């Protein structure tokens, strides 16, 4: 598919797709991402499918690595949620 991941096309992603992308580095499940974003789990899955297609990647790991690599670009776009990337939100526990 996309052979040059050195230039991620973040401008093609929607705001919500960028938010999902920035949260992928936490390693959280789709359910946890949905809780953090206050959306349905199936909506997270739809955003993941769409952003993976737009970025030309085939696995969930690839966009996560891109998000880590381009953390500053995502931060400049204002899509990184509270706390640094990779930091889990203590208020979002699986039991709550």
PDB file of N, CA and C in Angstrom:
ATOM      1  N   UNK A   1       0.843  -1.180   0.000  1.00  0.00           N
ATOM      2  CA  UNK A   1       0.000   0.000   0.000  1.00  0.00           C
ATOM      3  C   UNK A   1       0.883   1.237   0.000  1.00  0.00           C
ATOM      4  N   UNK A   2       0.677   2.141   0.993  1.00  0.00           N
ATOM      5  CA  UNK A   2       1.473   3.350   1.070  1.00  0.00           C
ATOM      6  C   UNK A   2       2.908   3.031   1.415  1.00  0.00           C
ATOM      7  N   UNK A   3       3.858   3.354   0.543  1.00  0.00           N
ATOM      8  CA  UNK A   3       5.240   2.975   0.773  1.00  0.00           C
ATOM      9  C   UNK A   3       6.013   4.019   1.552  1.00  0.00           C
ATOM     10  N   UNK A   4       5.553   5.257   1.595  1.00  0.00           N
ATOM     11  CA  UNK A   4       6.293   6.308   2.283  1.00  0.00           C
ATOM     12  C   UNK A   4       5.510   6.791   3.493  1.00  0.00           C
ATOM     13  N   UNK A   5       5.755   6.105   4.621  1.00  0.00           N
ATOM     14  CA  UNK A   5       5.104   6.524   5.852  1.00  0.00           C
ATOM     15  C   UNK A   5       5.854   7.679   6.494  1.00  0.00           C
ATOM     16  N   UNK A   6       6.972   8.109   5.889  1.00  0.00           N
ATOM     17  CA  UNK A   6       7.734   9.234   6.412  1.00  0.00           C
ATOM     18  C   UNK A   6       6.919  10.515   6.358  1.00  0.00           C
ATOM     19  N   UNK A   7       5.934  10.539   5.511  1.00  0.00           N
ATOM     20  CA  UNK A   7       5.091  11.733   5.387  1.00  0.00           C
ATOM     21  C   UNK A   7       3.641  11.332   5.566  1.00  0.00           C
ATOM     22  N   UNK A   8       3.271  11.211   6.812  1.00  0.00           N
ATOM     23  CA  UNK A   8       1.889  10.833   7.110  1.00  0.00           C
ATOM     24  C   UNK A   8       0.960  11.944   6.654  1.00  0.00           C
ATOM     25  N   UNK A   9      -0.148  11.572   6.020  1.00  0.00           N
ATOM     26  CA  UNK A   9      -1.102  12.554   5.498  1.00  0.00           C
ATOM     27  C   UNK A   9      -2.172  12.845   6.536  1.00  0.00           C
ATOM     28  N   UNK A  10      -1.761  13.466   7.621  1.00  0.00           N
ATOM     29  CA  UNK A  10      -2.711  13.772   8.686  1.00  0.00           C
ATOM     30  C   UNK A  10      -3.778  14.761   8.230  1.00  0.00           C
ATOM     31  N   UNK A  11      -3.474  15.594   7.231  1.00  0.00           N
ATOM     32  CA  UNK A  11      -4.456  16.566   6.762  1.00  0.00           C
ATOM     33  C   UNK A  11      -5.674  15.898   6.135  1.00  0.00           C
ATOM     34  N   UNK A  12      -5.553  14.632   5.750  1.00  0.00           N
ATOM     35  CA  UNK A  12      -6.683  13.904   5.164  1.00  0.00           C
ATOM     36  C   UNK A  12      -7.626  13.347   6.233  1.00  0.00           C
ATOM     37  N   UNK A  13      -7.175  13.333   7.482  1.00  0.00           N
ATOM     38  CA  UNK A  13      -7.979  12.762   8.562  1.00  0.00           C
ATOM     39  C   UNK A  13      -8.931  13.789   9.141  1.00  0.00           C
ATOM     40  N   UNK A  14     -10.081  13.308   9.589  1.00  0.00           N
ATOM     41  CA  UNK A  14     -11.032  14.184  10.271  1.00  0.00           C
ATOM     42  C   UNK A  14     -10.506  14.469  11.678  1.00  0.00           C
ATOM     43  N   UNK A  15     -11.097  15.433  12.331  1.00  0.00           N
ATOM     44  CA  UNK A  15     -10.712  15.753  13.702  1.00  0.00           C
ATOM     45  C   UNK A  15     -10.848  14.559  14.629  1.00  0.00           C
ATOM     46  N   UNK A  16     -11.925  13.821  14.509  1.00  0.00           N
ATOM     47  CA  UNK A  16     -12.149  12.668  15.384  1.00  0.00           C
ATOM     48  C   UNK A  16     -11.156  11.550  15.061  1.00  0.00           C
ATOM     49  N   UNK A  17     -10.858  11.359  13.782  1.00  0.00           N
ATOM     50  CA  UNK A  17      -9.859  10.359  13.409  1.00  0.00           C
ATOM     51  C   UNK A  17      -8.502  10.716  14.005  1.00  0.00           C
ATOM     52  N   UNK A  18      -8.171  12.003  14.010  1.00  0.00           N
ATOM     53  CA  UNK A  18      -6.916  12.446  14.617  1.00  0.00           C
ATOM     54  C   UNK A  18      -6.904  12.181  16.122  1.00  0.00           C
ATOM     55  N   UNK A  19      -8.047  12.377  16.765  1.00  0.00           N
ATOM     56  CA  UNK A  19      -8.129  12.086  18.200  1.00  0.00           C
ATOM     57  C   UNK A  19      -7.924  10.596  18.464  1.00  0.00           C
ATOM     58  N   UNK A  20      -8.575   9.760  17.672  1.00  0.00           N
ATOM     59  CA  UNK A  20      -8.417   8.312  17.822  1.00  0.00           C
ATOM     60  C   UNK A  20      -6.958   7.938  17.582  1.00  0.00           C
ATOM     61  N   UNK A  21      -6.359   8.490  16.539  1.00  0.00           N
ATOM     62  CA  UNK A  21      -4.964   8.215  16.230  1.00  0.00           C
ATOM     63  C   UNK A  21      -4.058   8.577  17.401  1.00  0.00           C
ATOM     64  N   UNK A  22      -4.278   9.739  17.978  1.00  0.00           N
ATOM     65  CA  UNK A  22      -3.419  10.185  19.076  1.00  0.00           C
ATOM     66  C   UNK A  22      -3.570   9.317  20.313  1.00  0.00           C
ATOM     67  N   UNK A  23      -4.724   8.667  20.476  1.00  0.00           N
ATOM     68  CA  UNK A  23      -4.955   7.807  21.636  1.00  0.00           C
ATOM     69  C   UNK A  23      -4.476   6.372  21.423  1.00  0.00           C
ATOM     70  N   UNK A  24      -4.208   5.988  20.190  1.00  0.00           N
ATOM     71  CA  UNK A  24      -3.783   4.614  19.922  1.00  0.00           C
ATOM     72  C   UNK A  24      -2.511   4.238  20.669  1.00  0.00           C
ATOM     73  N   UNK A  25      -1.643   5.196  20.905  1.00  0.00           N
ATOM     74  CA  UNK A  25      -0.366   4.887  21.551  1.00  0.00           C
ATOM     75  C   UNK A  25      -0.529   4.445  22.997  1.00  0.00           C
ATOM     76  N   UNK A  26      -1.696   4.648  23.585  1.00  0.00           N
ATOM     77  CA  UNK A  26      -1.913   4.210  24.964  1.00  0.00           C
ATOM     78  C   UNK A  26      -2.013   2.700  25.048  1.00  0.00           C
ATOM     79  N   UNK A  27      -2.310   2.061  23.914  1.00  0.00           N
ATOM     80  CA  UNK A  27      -2.484   0.618  23.912  1.00  0.00           C
ATOM     81  C   UNK A  27      -3.843   0.195  24.433  1.00  0.00           C
ATOM     82  N   UNK A  28      -4.719   1.161  24.668  1.00  0.00           N
ATOM     83  CA  UNK A  28      -6.055   0.867  25.168  1.00  0.00           C
ATOM     84  C   UNK A  28      -6.884   0.124  24.129  1.00  0.00           C
ATOM     85  N   UNK A  29      -7.852  -0.644  24.620  1.00  0.00           N
ATOM     86  CA  UNK A  29      -8.788  -1.349  23.754  1.00  0.00           C
ATOM     87  C   UNK A  29      -9.734  -0.352  23.091  1.00  0.00           C
ATOM     88  N   UNK A  30     -10.447  -0.823  22.078  1.00  0.00           N
ATOM     89  CA  UNK A  30     -11.451   0.029  21.432  1.00  0.00           C
ATOM     90  C   UNK A  30     -12.493   0.490  22.445  1.00  0.00           C
ATOM     91  N   UNK A  31     -12.855  -0.402  23.353  1.00  0.00           N
ATOM     92  CA  UNK A  31     -13.841  -0.052  24.383  1.00  0.00           C
ATOM     93  C   UNK A  31     -13.332   1.117  25.235  1.00  0.00           C
ATOM     94  N   UNK A  32     -12.070   1.041  25.647  1.00  0.00           N
ATOM     95  CA  UNK A  32     -11.486   2.091  26.478  1.00  0.00           C
ATOM     96  C   UNK A  32     -11.381   3.406  25.702  1.00  0.00           C
ATOM     97  N   UNK A  33     -10.987   3.309  24.425  1.00  0.00           N
ATOM     98  CA  UNK A  33     -10.922   4.518  23.596  1.00  0.00           C
ATOM     99  C   UNK A  33     -12.303   5.150  23.490  1.00  0.00           C
ATOM    100  N   UNK A  34     -13.312   4.322  23.314  1.00  0.00           N
ATOM    101  CA  UNK A  34     -14.688   4.827  23.223  1.00  0.00           C
ATOM    102  C   UNK A  34     -15.082   5.541  24.510  1.00  0.00           C
ATOM    103  N   UNK A  35     -14.718   4.976  25.649  1.00  0.00           N
ATOM    104  CA  UNK A  35     -15.018   5.618  26.929  1.00  0.00           C
ATOM    105  C   UNK A  35     -14.317   6.969  27.037  1.00  0.00           C
ATOM    106  N   UNK A  36     -13.060   6.997  26.653  1.00  0.00           N
ATOM    107  CA  UNK A  36     -12.284   8.241  26.748  1.00  0.00           C
ATOM    108  C   UNK A  36     -12.850   9.325  25.835  1.00  0.00           C
ATOM    109  N   UNK A  37     -13.333   8.919  24.664  1.00  0.00           N
ATOM    110  CA  UNK A  37     -13.861   9.876  23.693  1.00  0.00           C
ATOM    111  C   UNK A  37     -15.365  10.099  23.838  1.00  0.00           C
ATOM    112  N   UNK A  38     -15.976   9.306  24.724  1.00  0.00           N
ATOM    113  CA  UNK A  38     -17.412   9.386  24.956  1.00  0.00           C
ATOM    114  C   UNK A  38     -18.214   9.146  23.677  1.00  0.00           C
ATOM    115  N   UNK A  39     -17.820   8.070  22.964  1.00  0.00           N
ATOM    116  CA  UNK A  39     -18.514   7.645  21.755  1.00  0.00           C
ATOM    117  C   UNK A  39     -18.696   6.130  21.833  1.00  0.00           C
ATOM    118  N   UNK A  40     -19.454   5.580  20.918  1.00  0.00           N
ATOM    119  CA  UNK A  40     -19.695   4.135  20.885  1.00  0.00           C
ATOM    120  C   UNK A  40     -18.451   3.393  20.397  1.00  0.00           C
ATOM    121  N   UNK A  41     -18.283   2.171  20.897  1.00  0.00           N
ATOM    122  CA  UNK A  41     -17.144   1.354  20.486  1.00  0.00           C
ATOM    123  C   UNK A  41     -17.147   1.109  18.975  1.00  0.00           C
ATOM    124  N   UNK A  42     -18.329   0.885  18.399  1.00  0.00           N
ATOM    125  CA  UNK A  42     -18.388   0.657  16.953  1.00  0.00           C
ATOM    126  C   UNK A  42     -17.971   1.913  16.175  1.00  0.00           C
ATOM    127  N   UNK A  43     -18.174   3.087  16.776  1.00  0.00           N
ATOM    128  CA  UNK A  43     -17.737   4.328  16.141  1.00  0.00           C
ATOM    129  C   UNK A  43     -16.212   4.411  16.149  1.00  0.00           C
ATOM    130  N   UNK A  44     -15.589   3.979  17.237  1.00  0.00           N
ATOM    131  CA  UNK A  44     -14.128   3.926  17.290  1.00  0.00           C
ATOM    132  C   UNK A  44     -13.622   3.003  16.183  1.00  0.00           C
ATOM    133  N   UNK A  45     -14.248   1.835  16.041  1.00  0.00           N
ATOM    134  CA  UNK A  45     -13.845   0.883  15.008  1.00  0.00           C
ATOM    135  C   UNK A  45     -13.965   1.504  13.618  1.00  0.00           C
ATOM    136  N   UNK A  46     -15.030   2.240  13.388  1.00  0.00           N
ATOM    137  CA  UNK A  46     -15.228   2.890  12.089  1.00  0.00           C
ATOM    138  C   UNK A  46     -14.144   3.938  11.841  1.00  0.00           C
ATOM    139  N   UNK A  47     -13.809   4.719  12.872  1.00  0.00           N
ATOM    140  CA  UNK A  47     -12.747   5.724  12.727  1.00  0.00           C
ATOM    141  C   UNK A  47     -11.402   5.059  12.466  1.00  0.00           C
ATOM    142  N   UNK A  48     -11.131   3.954  13.170  1.00  0.00           N
ATOM    143  CA  UNK A  48      -9.882   3.228  12.962  1.00  0.00           C
ATOM    144  C   UNK A  48      -9.784   2.703  11.537  1.00  0.00           C
ATOM    145  N   UNK A  49     -10.854   2.113  11.052  1.00  0.00           N
ATOM    146  CA  UNK A  49     -10.872   1.585   9.690  1.00  0.00           C
ATOM    147  C   UNK A  49     -10.615   2.696   8.682  1.00  0.00           C
ATOM    148  N   UNK A  50     -11.268   3.819   8.885  1.00  0.00           N
ATOM    149  CA  UNK A  50     -11.126   4.934   7.965  1.00  0.00           C
ATOM    150  C   UNK A  50      -9.715   5.523   8.006  1.00  0.00           C
ATOM    151  N   UNK A  51      -9.193   5.754   9.199  1.00  0.00           N
ATOM    152  CA  UNK A  51      -7.864   6.369   9.273  1.00  0.00           C
ATOM    153  C   UNK A  51      -6.777   5.419   8.779  1.00  0.00           C
ATOM    154  N   UNK A  52      -6.955   4.121   9.007  1.00  0.00           N
ATOM    155  CA  UNK A  52      -5.987   3.155   8.500  1.00  0.00           C
ATOM    156  C   UNK A  52      -5.995   3.133   6.976  1.00  0.00           C
ATOM    157  N   UNK A  53      -7.180   3.220   6.388  1.00  0.00           N
ATOM    158  CA  UNK A  53      -7.291   3.264   4.921  1.00  0.00           C
ATOM    159  C   UNK A  53      -6.623   4.525   4.382  1.00  0.00           C
ATOM    160  N   UNK A  54      -6.916   5.662   5.004  1.00  0.00           N
ATOM    161  CA  UNK A  54      -6.353   6.934   4.542  1.00  0.00           C
ATOM    162  C   UNK A  54      -4.841   6.990   4.682  1.00  0.00           C
ATOM    163  N   UNK A  55      -4.303   6.346   5.724  1.00  0.00           N
ATOM    164  CA  UNK A  55      -2.854   6.345   5.946  1.00  0.00           C
ATOM    165  C   UNK A  55      -2.152   5.213   5.197  1.00  0.00           C
ATOM    166  N   UNK A  56      -2.940   4.311   4.606  1.00  0.00           N
ATOM    167  CA  UNK A  56      -2.367   3.222   3.833  1.00  0.00           C
ATOM    168  C   UNK A  56      -1.666   2.182   4.682  1.00  0.00           C
ATOM    169  N   UNK A  57      -2.223   1.915   5.862  1.00  0.00           N
ATOM    170  CA  UNK A  57      -1.648   0.910   6.748  1.00  0.00           C
ATOM    171  C   UNK A  57      -2.631  -0.234   6.938  1.00  0.00           C
ATOM    172  N   UNK A  58      -2.115  -1.382   7.359  1.00  0.00           N
ATOM    173  CA  UNK A  58      -2.957  -2.563   7.444  1.00  0.00           C
ATOM    174  C   UNK A  58      -3.212  -3.064   8.858  1.00  0.00           C
ATOM    175  N   UNK A  59      -2.408  -2.638   9.819  1.00  0.00           N
ATOM    176  CA  UNK A  59      -2.612  -3.106  11.183  1.00  0.00           C
ATOM    177  C   UNK A  59      -2.756  -1.928  12.137  1.00  0.00           C
ATOM    178  N   UNK A  60      -3.335  -2.189  13.269  1.00  0.00           N
ATOM    179  CA  UNK A  60      -3.552  -1.166  14.287  1.00  0.00           C
ATOM    180  C   UNK A  60      -2.225  -0.633  14.845  1.00  0.00           C
ATOM    181  N   UNK A  61      -1.187  -1.438  14.774  1.00  0.00           N
ATOM    182  CA  UNK A  61       0.123  -1.046  15.305  1.00  0.00           C
ATOM    183  C   UNK A  61       0.744   0.076  14.473  1.00  0.00           C
ATOM    184  N   UNK A  62       0.591   0.002  13.170  1.00  0.00           N
ATOM    185  CA  UNK A  62       1.217   0.987  12.280  1.00  0.00           C
ATOM    186  C   UNK A  62       0.770   2.430  12.561  1.00  0.00           C
ATOM    187  N   UNK A  63      -0.535   2.709  12.680  1.00  0.00           N
ATOM    188  CA  UNK A  63      -0.909   4.095  12.986  1.00  0.00           C
ATOM    189  C   UNK A  63      -0.431   4.521  14.375  1.00  0.00           C
ATOM    190  N   UNK A  64      -0.355   3.586  15.299  1.00  0.00           N
ATOM    191  CA  UNK A  64       0.145   3.906  16.625  1.00  0.00           C
ATOM    192  C   UNK A  64       1.600   4.360  16.550  1.00  0.00           C
ATOM    193  N   UNK A  65       2.387   3.649  15.751  1.00  0.00           N
ATOM    194  CA  UNK A  65       3.788   4.032  15.576  1.00  0.00           C
ATOM    195  C   UNK A  65       3.907   5.384  14.884  1.00  0.00           C
ATOM    196  N   UNK A  66       3.034   5.621  13.902  1.00  0.00           N
ATOM    197  CA  UNK A  66       3.025   6.923  13.231  1.00  0.00           C
ATOM    198  C   UNK A  66       2.681   8.033  14.218  1.00  0.00           C
ATOM    199  N   UNK A  67       1.721   7.780  15.084  1.00  0.00           N
ATOM    200  CA  UNK A  67       1.321   8.780  16.083  1.00  0.00           C
ATOM    201  C   UNK A  67       2.486   9.103  17.010  1.00  0.00           C
ATOM    202  N   UNK A  68       3.232   8.078  17.405  1.00  0.00           N
ATOM    203  CA  UNK A  68       4.401   8.321  18.250  1.00  0.00           C
ATOM    204  C   UNK A  68       5.443   9.132  17.501  1.00  0.00           C
ATOM    205  N   UNK A  69       5.678   8.743  16.267  1.00  0.00           N
ATOM    206  CA  UNK A  69       6.706   9.414  15.459  1.00  0.00           C
ATOM    207  C   UNK A  69       6.353  10.881  15.199  1.00  0.00           C
ATOM    208  N   UNK A  70       5.078  11.146  15.004  1.00  0.00           N
ATOM    209  CA  UNK A  70       4.636  12.502  14.668  1.00  0.00           C
ATOM    210  C   UNK A  70       3.889  13.171  15.818  1.00  0.00           C
ATOM    211  N   UNK A  71       4.278  12.867  17.030  1.00  0.00           N
ATOM    212  CA  UNK A  71       3.624  13.422  18.218  1.00  0.00           C
ATOM    213  C   UNK A  71       3.585  14.948  18.173  1.00  0.00           C
ATOM    214  N   UNK A  72       4.673  15.584  17.775  1.00  0.00           N
ATOM    215  CA  UNK A  72       4.703  17.050  17.727  1.00  0.00           C
ATOM    216  C   UNK A  72       3.703  17.582  16.705  1.00  0.00           C
ATOM    217  N   UNK A  73       3.631  16.951  15.544  1.00  0.00           N
ATOM    218  CA  UNK A  73       2.687  17.394  14.515  1.00  0.00           C
ATOM    219  C   UNK A  73       1.256  17.277  15.023  1.00  0.00           C
ATOM    220  N   UNK A  74       0.941  16.184  15.698  1.00  0.00           N
ATOM    221  CA  UNK A  74      -0.403  16.011  16.253  1.00  0.00           C
ATOM    222  C   UNK A  74      -0.667  17.035  17.346  1.00  0.00           C
ATOM    223  N   UNK A  75       0.345  17.316  18.138  1.00  0.00           N
ATOM    224  CA  UNK A  75       0.201  18.317  19.190  1.00  0.00           C
ATOM    225  C   UNK A  75      -0.054  19.694  18.581  1.00  0.00           C
ATOM    226  N   UNK A  76       0.688  20.011  17.513  1.00  0.00           N
ATOM    227  CA  UNK A  76       0.508  21.299  16.828  1.00  0.00           C
ATOM    228  C   UNK A  76      -0.883  21.423  16.229  1.00  0.00           C
ATOM    229  N   UNK A  77      -1.474  20.287  15.851  1.00  0.00           N
ATOM    230  CA  UNK A  77      -2.833  20.298  15.311  1.00  0.00           C
ATOM    231  C   UNK A  77      -3.876  20.423  16.421  1.00  0.00           C
ATOM    232  N   UNK A  78      -3.423  20.289  17.669  1.00  0.00           N
ATOM    233  CA  UNK A  78      -4.324  20.435  18.806  1.00  0.00           C
ATOM    234  C   UNK A  78      -5.219  19.249  19.057  1.00  0.00           C
ATOM    235  N   UNK A  79      -4.794  18.049  18.643  1.00  0.00           N
ATOM    236  CA  UNK A  79      -5.663  16.880  18.804  1.00  0.00           C
ATOM    237  C   UNK A  79      -5.234  15.955  19.923  1.00  0.00           C
ATOM    238  N   UNK A  80      -4.095  16.215  20.530  1.00  0.00           N
ATOM    239  CA  UNK A  80      -3.650  15.345  21.611  1.00  0.00           C
ATOM    240  C   UNK A  80      -4.453  15.677  22.854  1.00  0.00           C
ATOM    241  N   UNK A  81      -5.141  14.681  23.413  1.00  0.00           N
ATOM    242  CA  UNK A  81      -5.956  14.929  24.593  1.00  0.00           C
ATOM    243  C   UNK A  81      -5.110  15.244  25.813  1.00  0.00           C
ATOM    244  N   UNK A  82      -5.772  15.553  26.921  1.00  0.00           N
ATOM    245  CA  UNK A  82      -5.093  15.887  28.163  1.00  0.00           C
ATOM    246  C   UNK A  82      -4.046  14.844  28.499  1.00  0.00           C
ATOM    247  N   UNK A  83      -2.933  15.299  29.035  1.00  0.00           N
ATOM    248  CA  UNK A  83      -1.847  14.389  29.376  1.00  0.00           C
ATOM    249  C   UNK A  83      -1.024  14.101  28.139  1.00  0.00           C
ATOM    250  N   UNK A  84       0.159  13.575  28.337  1.00  0.00           N
ATOM    251  CA  UNK A  84       1.014  13.275  27.200  1.00  0.00           C
ATOM    252  C   UNK A  84       0.564  11.990  26.530  1.00  0.00           C
ATOM    253  N   UNK A  85       0.971  11.795  25.296  1.00  0.00           N
ATOM    254  CA  UNK A  85       0.617  10.585  24.571  1.00  0.00           C
ATOM    255  C   UNK A  85       1.227   9.403  25.289  1.00  0.00           C
ATOM    256  N   UNK A  86       0.484   8.336  25.356  1.00  0.00           N
ATOM    257  CA  UNK A  86       0.971   7.149  26.019  1.00  0.00           C
ATOM    258  C   UNK A  86       0.655   7.133  27.498  1.00  0.00           C
ATOM    259  N   UNK A  87       0.158   8.235  28.013  1.00  0.00           N
ATOM    260  CA  UNK A  87      -0.183   8.314  29.431  1.00  0.00           C
ATOM    261  C   UNK A  87      -1.652   7.994  29.581  1.00  0.00           C
ATOM    262  N   UNK A  88      -1.952   7.025  30.394  1.00  0.00           N
ATOM    263  CA  UNK A  88      -3.346   6.635  30.589  1.00  0.00           C
ATOM    264  C   UNK A  88      -4.047   7.609  31.521  1.00  0.00           C
ATOM    265  N   UNK A  89      -5.273   7.877  31.207  1.00  0.00           N
ATOM    266  CA  UNK A  89      -6.103   8.750  32.033  1.00  0.00           C
ATOM    267  C   UNK A  89      -6.550   7.983  33.252  1.00  0.00           C
ATOM    268  N   UNK A  90      -6.097   8.405  34.432  1.00  0.00           N
ATOM    269  CA  UNK A  90      -6.385   7.692  35.665  1.00  0.00           C
ATOM    270  C   UNK A  90      -7.879   7.640  35.967  1.00  0.00           C
ATOM    271  N   UNK A  91      -8.646   8.591  35.432  1.00  0.00           N
ATOM    272  CA  UNK A  91     -10.075   8.619  35.718  1.00  0.00           C
ATOM    273  C   UNK A  91     -10.857   7.629  34.871  1.00  0.00           C
ATOM    274  N   UNK A  92     -10.228   7.025  33.904  1.00  0.00           N
ATOM    275  CA  UNK A  92     -10.911   6.076  33.017  1.00  0.00           C
ATOM    276  C   UNK A  92     -10.475   4.676  33.348  1.00  0.00           C
ATOM    277  N   UNK A  93     -11.102   4.081  34.299  1.00  0.00           N
ATOM    278  CA  UNK A  93     -10.791   2.711  34.712  1.00  0.00           C
ATOM    279  C   UNK A  93     -11.796   1.765  34.103  1.00  0.00           C
ATOM    280  N   UNK A  94     -11.361   0.571  33.824  1.00  0.00           N
ATOM    281  CA  UNK A  94     -12.251  -0.388  33.156  1.00  0.00           C
ATOM    282  C   UNK A  94     -13.455  -0.757  34.004  1.00  0.00           C
ATOM    283  N   UNK A  95     -13.345  -0.614  35.314  1.00  0.00           N
ATOM    284  CA  UNK A  95     -14.462  -0.979  36.179  1.00  0.00           C
ATOM    285  C   UNK A  95     -15.475   0.116  36.389  1.00  0.00           C
ATOM    286  N   UNK A  96     -15.230   1.296  35.843  1.00  0.00           N
ATOM    287  CA  UNK A  96     -16.167   2.396  36.040  1.00  0.00           C
ATOM    288  C   UNK A  96     -16.917   2.735  34.792  1.00  0.00           C
TER     289      UNK A  96
END
